[in-house]
Amino acid sequence: MFDFLESCIDTIIENPVKSVCIVAATVATGGVAFVAAPAIGAVASAAGLGVAGGTLSGAAASSAGLAALGGGSVASGGLGMAGGTAVVTAAGGAIGGGVTAAVTKENS
């Protein structure tokens, strides 16, 4: 575990500009995903995800889709809309960071 952390710190020290670019892209894409989460929830609901998937529209579709992405409603033991928003935000950040890391590695 400590070898991995040491390796990460060495990489950051050796490549500060690339490290800042990766962090900035991760934060930016995570932020965009957070803002777009309601729309993504509505699309997930329209695609048939969740109990009433495909039958709802507007805010109800957004809420149902995000709850489905969050593992179900809080009442049923899932993380609800907050969990769905967290899933969408984490996925957006991970995709942005991964793509940026790949691009910066390719350009070295």
Protein backbone atom coordinates (compact mmCIF):
# COMPACT_ATOMS: atom_id res chain seq x y z
CA MET A 1 0.00 0.00 0.00
CA PHE A 2 2.73 2.44 0.93
CA ASP A 3 4.70 1.57 -2.21
CA PHE A 4 1.70 2.52 -4.31
CA LEU A 5 1.28 5.85 -2.53
CA GLU A 6 4.99 6.53 -2.82
CA SER A 7 4.82 5.78 -6.55
CA CYS A 8 1.86 8.15 -6.97
CA ILE A 9 3.63 10.95 -5.13
CA ASP A 10 6.77 10.45 -7.23
CA THR A 11 4.71 10.60 -10.42
CA ILE A 12 3.03 13.83 -9.31
CA ILE A 13 6.38 15.41 -8.41
CA GLU A 14 7.88 14.40 -11.76
CA ASN A 15 4.85 15.58 -13.80
CA PRO A 16 3.20 18.51 -12.01
CA VAL A 17 1.56 20.06 -15.10
CA LYS A 18 0.03 16.77 -16.25
CA SER A 19 -1.15 16.09 -12.71
CA VAL A 20 -2.89 19.47 -12.52
CA CYS A 21 -4.51 18.87 -15.94
CA ILE A 22 -5.84 15.48 -14.85
CA VAL A 23 -7.24 16.88 -11.59
CA ALA A 24 -8.79 19.87 -13.37
CA ALA A 25 -10.45 17.65 -15.98
CA THR A 26 -11.74 15.29 -13.31
CA VAL A 27 -13.26 18.15 -11.33
CA ALA A 28 -14.71 19.78 -14.46
CA THR A 29 -16.33 16.63 -15.84
CA GLY A 30 -17.58 15.68 -12.38
CA GLY A 31 -19.14 19.13 -12.09
CA VAL A 32 -20.77 18.87 -15.48
CA ALA A 33 -22.11 15.42 -14.58
CA PHE A 34 -23.47 16.80 -11.29
CA VAL A 35 -25.31 19.58 -13.12
CA ALA A 36 -26.57 17.15 -15.77
CA ALA A 37 -27.65 14.50 -13.24
CA PRO A 38 -31.38 15.38 -13.38
CA ALA A 39 -31.38 15.09 -17.17
CA ILE A 40 -29.43 11.83 -16.99
CA GLY A 41 -31.94 10.56 -14.43
CA ALA A 42 -34.82 11.41 -16.77
CA VAL A 43 -33.10 9.57 -19.63
CA ALA A 44 -32.50 6.56 -17.37
CA SER A 45 -36.18 6.53 -16.43
CA ALA A 46 -37.28 6.89 -20.05
CA ALA A 47 -35.00 3.97 -20.95
CA GLY A 48 -37.03 1.78 -18.61
CA LEU A 49 -34.81 1.86 -15.52
CA GLY A 50 -36.75 1.72 -12.28
CA VAL A 51 -40.24 0.63 -11.29
CA ALA A 52 -42.17 3.07 -13.48
CA GLY A 53 -39.50 3.37 -16.13
CA GLY A 54 -40.72 4.73 -19.44
CA THR A 55 -44.08 5.92 -18.10
CA LEU A 56 -43.04 9.13 -16.33
CA SER A 57 -42.02 12.55 -17.59
CA GLY A 58 -40.50 15.73 -16.22
CA ALA A 59 -39.43 15.94 -12.60
CA ALA A 60 -41.02 12.60 -11.75
CA ALA A 61 -38.92 10.85 -14.41
CA SER A 62 -35.79 12.60 -13.17
CA SER A 63 -36.48 11.61 -9.57
CA ALA A 64 -37.33 8.01 -10.44
CA GLY A 65 -34.29 7.62 -12.69
CA LEU A 66 -31.88 9.04 -10.12
CA ALA A 67 -33.38 6.88 -7.39
CA ALA A 68 -32.99 3.80 -9.60
CA LEU A 69 -29.35 4.69 -10.26
CA GLY A 70 -28.92 5.11 -6.50
CA GLY A 71 -30.10 1.59 -5.78
CA GLY A 72 -33.73 2.40 -5.12
CA SER A 73 -35.63 4.76 -2.88
CA VAL A 74 -34.45 5.52 0.64
CA ALA A 75 -37.64 3.91 1.96
CA SER A 76 -36.75 0.64 0.22
CA GLY A 77 -33.19 0.66 1.55
CA GLY A 78 -31.44 2.31 -1.39
CA LEU A 79 -29.61 5.61 -1.46
CA GLY A 80 -32.36 7.41 -3.37
CA MET A 81 -31.85 10.45 -5.55
CA ALA A 82 -28.76 11.52 -3.62
CA GLY A 83 -27.16 8.16 -4.33
CA GLY A 84 -28.08 8.40 -7.99
CA THR A 85 -26.60 11.88 -8.21
CA ALA A 86 -23.43 10.61 -6.54
CA VAL A 87 -23.20 7.72 -9.01
CA VAL A 88 -23.61 10.03 -12.01
CA THR A 89 -21.10 12.55 -10.63
CA ALA A 90 -18.52 9.87 -9.78
CA ALA A 91 -18.89 8.27 -13.20
CA GLY A 92 -18.47 11.64 -14.93
CA GLY A 93 -15.38 12.45 -12.91
CA ALA A 94 -13.86 9.02 -13.46
CA ILE A 95 -14.45 9.19 -17.21
CA GLY A 96 -12.99 12.69 -17.43
CA GLY A 97 -9.95 11.80 -15.36
CA GLY A 98 -9.36 8.57 -17.24
CA VAL A 99 -9.61 10.17 -20.67
CA THR A 100 -7.35 13.04 -19.64
CA ALA A 101 -4.78 10.66 -18.16
CA ALA A 102 -4.79 8.63 -21.36
CA VAL A 103 -4.42 11.72 -23.54
CA THR A 104 -1.60 13.19 -21.46
CA LYS A 105 0.19 9.83 -21.41
CA GLU A 106 -0.17 9.51 -25.20
CA ASN A 107 1.28 12.99 -25.75
CA SER A 108 4.38 12.35 -23.66
